[in-house]
Every structure is written in structure tokens, then in C-alpha cells.
Amino acid sequence: MAKHIPYTPTPKTPQEKYSDAEFESAEARTESLALLRELHEAGVLDVLIKLVKGGEGLTSTLLDTLSGPNTLSGLRNIVELGRTLGTLDSQAVGQLGAAVDAGVREGARSVAQAKGVGLTDVLKLLKDKDVQVALGAVFGLLKGLGHSLREARGDTTNTPNQGEFDRHDQIQPTPNTPKRPARPVRS
């Protein structure tokens, strides 16, 4: 029978551990250097160094960074976008978002099938209830945009063609009103 030989591996030296880690993290090191270069070019490292050193010159550096014409305009746009998004009805946005998603899928399917649409196809599509509802939504969006834009420039006068209409609205008779007799059909 064989005799057990005791063996204790020698621990790796710090240099060997470093070499192993260096080999294993070569890709990560390359990516981190690219990130470091981007941070330097954007001026972020300068701000961070001043922050670590106790903020000396930090305020002026931040103001210089933020005082560019594009930065101020971008910040204003973000604030206005936030206000606008805050006023939107979430249920309506969800409904329109789902409709846009369905429309995009339908459009992609038409593109994949290389479907073209001619004039006669357009006229046929105008009879389609789905197309009619979508056109109603588009024209409603345009009407709302136009109204808001006119109000923004101070134009509040209505012209005769600006009435609210919907050809599908039907006037419901009151419960106690006698019904009118149907008109006879002339031949």
C-alpha cells in the first residue's frame, strides 16, 4: 500500500496574485480606461477632484460647466417637459401608447409583406372603422394642438368652421316625448 506524502502548497506571493488578477481583468481595465478618458474629456474628473479637495473652486467650475448656452437651454427644456408630463392623464397616455404600439406593429407587418397602397386602396380604407377611429384621433390631436397654439399667441376668436361636431353623435329623445312617425318613402 502506498504511503501518504504530506503536501502543503506554498501560498502565492503578492506578485503572483497581482499577475493573475492583471491577466483576468485585462478587458475590464481597458473599458475602465475608456470611461476614465470620457470623464476627463467631459470635465467631470476636474469637478470630482475639486470636490474631494474640499470644494475649493468647485462652485466656479460648476457654474462654468452649467453656464454654457446648450446646458441652460437643456435644463429649461427638461423642466418644461417634466411639467408637461405631469399634466397628462396617465390613463389617456396609456391608451394612446397601446394604440401607437399596435399601429407600429401593423405598419411593420405591412412593410415586411411589401404591401403598397394605391388610391383605390386608400378609398377602401376610409370605410374601415379602425381607420376612421384613428383618423378621428389624429384630427382630434391636431385640433387640440391648434387650439393651444392659437391661445398661446392670444387668438381666442372662433371662426364658423370651428364648431364641435361628430357625425356619430345622435340626439337622444327625452323619455316622455312622443316619437315622430317615419316619413313615407317616395318611389
C-alpha atoms as a PDB file:
ATOM      1  CA  MET A   1       0.000   0.000   0.000  1.00  0.00           C
ATOM      2  CA  ALA A   2       1.223   3.492  -0.822  1.00  0.00           C
ATOM      3  CA  LYS A   3       2.311   5.848   1.848  1.00  0.00           C
ATOM      4  CA  HIS A   4       0.609   9.228   2.205  1.00  0.00           C
ATOM      5  CA  ILE A   5       3.030  12.017   1.421  1.00  0.00           C
ATOM      6  CA  PRO A   6       2.076  15.247   3.114  1.00  0.00           C
ATOM      7  CA  TYR A   7       1.995  18.195   0.716  1.00  0.00           C
ATOM      8  CA  THR A   8       1.193  21.754   1.551  1.00  0.00           C
ATOM      9  CA  PRO A   9       1.144  24.108  -1.420  1.00  0.00           C
ATOM     10  CA  THR A  10       3.114  27.252  -0.912  1.00  0.00           C
ATOM     11  CA  PRO A  11       0.916  30.346  -0.828  1.00  0.00           C
ATOM     12  CA  LYS A  12       1.127  32.659  -3.803  1.00  0.00           C
ATOM     13  CA  THR A  13       3.321  35.649  -3.435  1.00  0.00           C
ATOM     14  CA  PRO A  14       1.743  39.100  -3.785  1.00  0.00           C
ATOM     15  CA  GLN A  15       3.442  39.429  -7.185  1.00  0.00           C
ATOM     16  CA  GLU A  16       1.847  36.162  -8.393  1.00  0.00           C
ATOM     17  CA  LYS A  17      -1.579  37.255  -7.123  1.00  0.00           C
ATOM     18  CA  TYR A  18      -1.169  40.571  -8.910  1.00  0.00           C
ATOM     19  CA  SER A  19      -0.147  38.861 -12.155  1.00  0.00           C
ATOM     20  CA  ASP A  20      -3.174  36.571 -12.006  1.00  0.00           C
ATOM     21  CA  ALA A  21      -5.542  39.478 -11.303  1.00  0.00           C
ATOM     22  CA  GLU A  22      -3.948  41.547 -14.060  1.00  0.00           C
ATOM     23  CA  PHE A  23      -4.458  38.747 -16.569  1.00  0.00           C
ATOM     24  CA  GLU A  24      -8.088  38.124 -15.521  1.00  0.00           C
ATOM     25  CA  SER A  25      -9.098  41.787 -15.621  1.00  0.00           C
ATOM     26  CA  ALA A  26      -7.447  42.963 -18.828  1.00  0.00           C
ATOM     27  CA  GLU A  27     -10.782  43.605 -20.583  1.00  0.00           C
ATOM     28  CA  ALA A  28     -12.270  45.412 -17.586  1.00  0.00           C
ATOM     29  CA  ARG A  29      -9.158  47.576 -17.290  1.00  0.00           C
ATOM     30  CA  THR A  30      -9.400  48.571 -20.948  1.00  0.00           C
ATOM     31  CA  GLU A  31     -13.057  49.547 -20.523  1.00  0.00           C
ATOM     32  CA  SER A  32     -12.334  51.475 -17.333  1.00  0.00           C
ATOM     33  CA  LEU A  33      -9.581  53.427 -19.081  1.00  0.00           C
ATOM     34  CA  ALA A  34     -12.019  54.345 -21.858  1.00  0.00           C
ATOM     35  CA  LEU A  35     -14.526  55.507 -19.228  1.00  0.00           C
ATOM     36  CA  LEU A  36     -11.818  57.483 -17.438  1.00  0.00           C
ATOM     37  CA  ARG A  37     -10.869  59.187 -20.694  1.00  0.00           C
ATOM     38  CA  GLU A  38     -14.523  60.138 -21.361  1.00  0.00           C
ATOM     39  CA  LEU A  39     -14.909  61.538 -17.832  1.00  0.00           C
ATOM     40  CA  HIS A  40     -11.742  63.570 -18.283  1.00  0.00           C
ATOM     41  CA  GLU A  41     -12.823  64.967 -21.659  1.00  0.00           C
ATOM     42  CA  ALA A  42     -16.245  65.924 -20.260  1.00  0.00           C
ATOM     43  CA  GLY A  43     -14.656  67.782 -17.342  1.00  0.00           C
ATOM     44  CA  VAL A  44     -16.224  65.530 -14.717  1.00  0.00           C
ATOM     45  CA  LEU A  45     -12.886  64.500 -13.231  1.00  0.00           C
ATOM     46  CA  ASP A  46     -11.946  68.150 -12.644  1.00  0.00           C
ATOM     47  CA  VAL A  47     -15.171  68.676 -10.685  1.00  0.00           C
ATOM     48  CA  LEU A  48     -14.641  65.485  -8.664  1.00  0.00           C
ATOM     49  CA  ILE A  49     -11.044  66.401  -7.800  1.00  0.00           C
ATOM     50  CA  LYS A  50     -12.152  69.815  -6.559  1.00  0.00           C
ATOM     51  CA  LEU A  51     -14.950  68.206  -4.559  1.00  0.00           C
ATOM     52  CA  VAL A  52     -12.521  65.802  -2.859  1.00  0.00           C
ATOM     53  CA  LYS A  53     -10.069  68.605  -2.101  1.00  0.00           C
ATOM     54  CA  GLY A  54     -12.688  70.434  -0.092  1.00  0.00           C
ATOM     55  CA  GLY A  55     -14.633  72.265  -2.741  1.00  0.00           C
ATOM     56  CA  GLU A  56     -12.043  74.937  -3.439  1.00  0.00           C
ATOM     57  CA  GLY A  57     -13.026  76.374  -6.812  1.00  0.00           C
ATOM     58  CA  LEU A  58     -15.879  73.885  -7.111  1.00  0.00           C
ATOM     59  CA  THR A  59     -18.630  76.474  -7.338  1.00  0.00           C
ATOM     60  CA  SER A  60     -16.936  78.392 -10.132  1.00  0.00           C
ATOM     61  CA  THR A  61     -16.165  75.170 -12.008  1.00  0.00           C
ATOM     62  CA  LEU A  62     -19.779  74.010 -11.743  1.00  0.00           C
ATOM     63  CA  LEU A  63     -21.065  77.394 -12.861  1.00  0.00           C
ATOM     64  CA  ASP A  64     -18.666  77.425 -15.808  1.00  0.00           C
ATOM     65  CA  THR A  65     -19.802  73.938 -16.759  1.00  0.00           C
ATOM     66  CA  LEU A  66     -23.500  74.736 -16.384  1.00  0.00           C
ATOM     67  CA  SER A  67     -23.419  78.230 -17.877  1.00  0.00           C
ATOM     68  CA  GLY A  68     -22.975  77.071 -21.447  1.00  0.00           C
ATOM     69  CA  PRO A  69     -25.846  78.077 -23.739  1.00  0.00           C
ATOM     70  CA  ASN A  70     -26.767  74.492 -24.542  1.00  0.00           C
ATOM     71  CA  THR A  71     -26.757  73.425 -20.893  1.00  0.00           C
ATOM     72  CA  LEU A  72     -29.135  76.141 -19.715  1.00  0.00           C
ATOM     73  CA  SER A  73     -31.445  75.574 -22.637  1.00  0.00           C
ATOM     74  CA  GLY A  74     -31.390  71.833 -21.993  1.00  0.00           C
ATOM     75  CA  LEU A  75     -32.190  72.297 -18.305  1.00  0.00           C
ATOM     76  CA  ARG A  76     -35.109  74.587 -19.146  1.00  0.00           C
ATOM     77  CA  ASN A  77     -36.403  72.053 -21.652  1.00  0.00           C
ATOM     78  CA  ILE A  78     -36.183  69.261 -19.087  1.00  0.00           C
ATOM     79  CA  VAL A  79     -38.135  71.321 -16.542  1.00  0.00           C
ATOM     80  CA  GLU A  80     -40.827  72.182 -19.108  1.00  0.00           C
ATOM     81  CA  LEU A  81     -41.028  68.566 -20.256  1.00  0.00           C
ATOM     82  CA  GLY A  82     -41.469  67.472 -16.636  1.00  0.00           C
ATOM     83  CA  ARG A  83     -44.303  69.973 -16.154  1.00  0.00           C
ATOM     84  CA  THR A  84     -45.994  68.851 -19.341  1.00  0.00           C
ATOM     85  CA  LEU A  85     -45.692  65.157 -18.499  1.00  0.00           C
ATOM     86  CA  GLY A  86     -47.103  65.877 -15.056  1.00  0.00           C
ATOM     87  CA  THR A  87     -50.296  67.335 -16.540  1.00  0.00           C
ATOM     88  CA  LEU A  88     -51.020  64.428 -18.894  1.00  0.00           C
ATOM     89  CA  ASP A  89     -53.766  62.000 -17.957  1.00  0.00           C
ATOM     90  CA  SER A  90     -51.997  58.692 -17.336  1.00  0.00           C
ATOM     91  CA  GLN A  91     -54.948  56.611 -18.495  1.00  0.00           C
ATOM     92  CA  ALA A  92     -55.174  58.528 -21.782  1.00  0.00           C
ATOM     93  CA  VAL A  93     -51.407  58.261 -22.285  1.00  0.00           C
ATOM     94  CA  GLY A  94     -51.571  54.516 -21.653  1.00  0.00           C
ATOM     95  CA  GLN A  95     -54.432  54.120 -24.111  1.00  0.00           C
ATOM     96  CA  LEU A  96     -52.652  56.133 -26.803  1.00  0.00           C
ATOM     97  CA  GLY A  97     -49.384  54.312 -26.097  1.00  0.00           C
ATOM     98  CA  ALA A  98     -51.069  50.945 -26.634  1.00  0.00           C
ATOM     99  CA  ALA A  99     -52.665  52.261 -29.834  1.00  0.00           C
ATOM    100  CA  VAL A 100     -49.329  53.532 -31.142  1.00  0.00           C
ATOM    101  CA  ASP A 101     -47.737  50.168 -30.323  1.00  0.00           C
ATOM    102  CA  ALA A 102     -50.465  48.327 -32.235  1.00  0.00           C
ATOM    103  CA  GLY A 103     -50.101  50.772 -35.145  1.00  0.00           C
ATOM    104  CA  VAL A 104     -46.353  50.310 -35.282  1.00  0.00           C
ATOM    105  CA  ARG A 105     -46.749  46.529 -35.321  1.00  0.00           C
ATOM    106  CA  GLU A 106     -49.356  46.756 -38.108  1.00  0.00           C
ATOM    107  CA  GLY A 107     -47.079  49.095 -40.082  1.00  0.00           C
ATOM    108  CA  ALA A 108     -44.117  46.752 -39.630  1.00  0.00           C
ATOM    109  CA  ARG A 109     -46.238  43.849 -40.834  1.00  0.00           C
ATOM    110  CA  SER A 110     -47.182  45.834 -43.973  1.00  0.00           C
ATOM    111  CA  VAL A 111     -43.540  46.693 -44.607  1.00  0.00           C
ATOM    112  CA  ALA A 112     -42.474  43.073 -44.125  1.00  0.00           C
ATOM    113  CA  GLN A 113     -45.105  41.973 -46.642  1.00  0.00           C
ATOM    114  CA  ALA A 114     -44.045  44.781 -49.018  1.00  0.00           C
ATOM    115  CA  LYS A 115     -47.629  45.985 -49.239  1.00  0.00           C
ATOM    116  CA  GLY A 116     -48.187  49.107 -51.263  1.00  0.00           C
ATOM    117  CA  VAL A 117     -51.319  51.228 -51.110  1.00  0.00           C
ATOM    118  CA  GLY A 118     -52.882  52.746 -54.195  1.00  0.00           C
ATOM    119  CA  LEU A 119     -55.597  55.365 -54.486  1.00  0.00           C
ATOM    120  CA  THR A 120     -58.384  52.798 -54.622  1.00  0.00           C
ATOM    121  CA  ASP A 121     -56.937  51.095 -51.535  1.00  0.00           C
ATOM    122  CA  VAL A 122     -56.961  54.437 -49.696  1.00  0.00           C
ATOM    123  CA  LEU A 123     -60.609  54.983 -50.614  1.00  0.00           C
ATOM    124  CA  LYS A 124     -61.472  51.480 -49.384  1.00  0.00           C
ATOM    125  CA  LEU A 125     -59.517  52.064 -46.159  1.00  0.00           C
ATOM    126  CA  LEU A 126     -61.504  55.244 -45.477  1.00  0.00           C
ATOM    127  CA  LYS A 127     -64.556  52.981 -44.995  1.00  0.00           C
ATOM    128  CA  ASP A 128     -62.702  50.854 -42.400  1.00  0.00           C
ATOM    129  CA  LYS A 129     -63.895  51.619 -38.853  1.00  0.00           C
ATOM    130  CA  ASP A 130     -60.379  51.244 -37.419  1.00  0.00           C
ATOM    131  CA  VAL A 131     -59.006  53.760 -39.899  1.00  0.00           C
ATOM    132  CA  GLN A 132     -61.903  56.119 -39.161  1.00  0.00           C
ATOM    133  CA  VAL A 133     -61.250  55.953 -35.422  1.00  0.00           C
ATOM    134  CA  ALA A 134     -57.516  56.523 -35.973  1.00  0.00           C
ATOM    135  CA  LEU A 135     -58.203  59.488 -38.253  1.00  0.00           C
ATOM    136  CA  GLY A 136     -60.572  60.865 -35.625  1.00  0.00           C
ATOM    137  CA  ALA A 137     -57.801  60.586 -33.037  1.00  0.00           C
ATOM    138  CA  VAL A 138     -55.277  62.261 -35.346  1.00  0.00           C
ATOM    139  CA  PHE A 139     -57.661  65.097 -36.199  1.00  0.00           C
ATOM    140  CA  GLY A 140     -58.560  65.456 -32.505  1.00  0.00           C
ATOM    141  CA  LEU A 141     -54.858  65.751 -31.713  1.00  0.00           C
ATOM    142  CA  LEU A 142     -54.429  68.348 -34.456  1.00  0.00           C
ATOM    143  CA  LYS A 143     -57.468  70.282 -33.226  1.00  0.00           C
ATOM    144  CA  GLY A 144     -56.156  70.324 -29.663  1.00  0.00           C
ATOM    145  CA  LEU A 145     -52.683  71.368 -30.818  1.00  0.00           C
ATOM    146  CA  GLY A 146     -54.095  74.130 -32.985  1.00  0.00           C
ATOM    147  CA  HIS A 147     -56.352  75.439 -30.233  1.00  0.00           C
ATOM    148  CA  SER A 148     -53.500  75.513 -27.747  1.00  0.00           C
ATOM    149  CA  LEU A 149     -51.169  77.221 -30.226  1.00  0.00           C
ATOM    150  CA  ARG A 150     -53.799  79.860 -31.032  1.00  0.00           C
ATOM    151  CA  GLU A 151     -54.351  80.527 -27.317  1.00  0.00           C
ATOM    152  CA  ALA A 152     -50.594  80.848 -26.810  1.00  0.00           C
ATOM    153  CA  ARG A 153     -50.422  83.640 -29.361  1.00  0.00           C
ATOM    154  CA  GLY A 154     -53.527  85.330 -27.946  1.00  0.00           C
ATOM    155  CA  ASP A 155     -56.006  84.424 -30.705  1.00  0.00           C
ATOM    156  CA  THR A 156     -59.248  83.449 -28.981  1.00  0.00           C
ATOM    157  CA  THR A 157     -61.777  84.242 -31.731  1.00  0.00           C
ATOM    158  CA  ASN A 158     -63.616  81.345 -33.302  1.00  0.00           C
ATOM    159  CA  THR A 159     -64.465  81.126 -36.963  1.00  0.00           C
ATOM    160  CA  PRO A 160     -67.639  79.428 -38.234  1.00  0.00           C
ATOM    161  CA  ASN A 161     -65.777  76.239 -39.177  1.00  0.00           C
ATOM    162  CA  GLN A 162     -64.511  75.691 -35.627  1.00  0.00           C
ATOM    163  CA  GLY A 163     -67.640  74.139 -34.179  1.00  0.00           C
ATOM    164  CA  GLU A 164     -67.527  70.865 -32.334  1.00  0.00           C
ATOM    165  CA  PHE A 165     -69.022  68.104 -34.430  1.00  0.00           C
ATOM    166  CA  ASP A 166     -69.184  64.365 -34.536  1.00  0.00           C
ATOM    167  CA  ARG A 167     -71.305  62.712 -37.194  1.00  0.00           C
ATOM    168  CA  HIS A 168     -71.798  59.734 -34.893  1.00  0.00           C
ATOM    169  CA  ASP A 169     -73.413  61.798 -32.116  1.00  0.00           C
ATOM    170  CA  GLN A 170     -77.113  61.170 -32.001  1.00  0.00           C
ATOM    171  CA  ILE A 171     -79.618  63.234 -30.094  1.00  0.00           C
ATOM    172  CA  GLN A 172     -81.459  61.053 -27.653  1.00  0.00           C
ATOM    173  CA  PRO A 173     -85.154  61.932 -27.230  1.00  0.00           C
ATOM    174  CA  THR A 174     -86.371  62.721 -23.746  1.00  0.00           C
ATOM    175  CA  PRO A 175     -88.364  59.841 -22.187  1.00  0.00           C
ATOM    176  CA  ASN A 176     -91.855  61.438 -22.323  1.00  0.00           C
ATOM    177  CA  THR A 177     -91.588  62.913 -25.814  1.00  0.00           C
ATOM    178  CA  PRO A 178     -93.793  61.247 -28.425  1.00  0.00           C
ATOM    179  CA  LYS A 179     -91.847  59.721 -31.278  1.00  0.00           C
ATOM    180  CA  ARG A 180     -92.229  61.185 -34.732  1.00  0.00           C
ATOM    181  CA  PRO A 181     -93.760  58.967 -37.330  1.00  0.00           C
ATOM    182  CA  ALA A 182     -91.398  57.763 -40.016  1.00  0.00           C
ATOM    183  CA  ARG A 183     -91.565  59.657 -43.303  1.00  0.00           C
ATOM    184  CA  PRO A 184     -93.040  57.707 -46.157  1.00  0.00           C
ATOM    185  CA  VAL A 185     -90.558  56.639 -48.786  1.00  0.00           C
ATOM    186  CA  ARG A 186     -91.333  58.060 -52.220  1.00  0.00           C
ATOM    187  CA  SER A 187     -90.612  55.997 -55.204  1.00  0.00           C
END
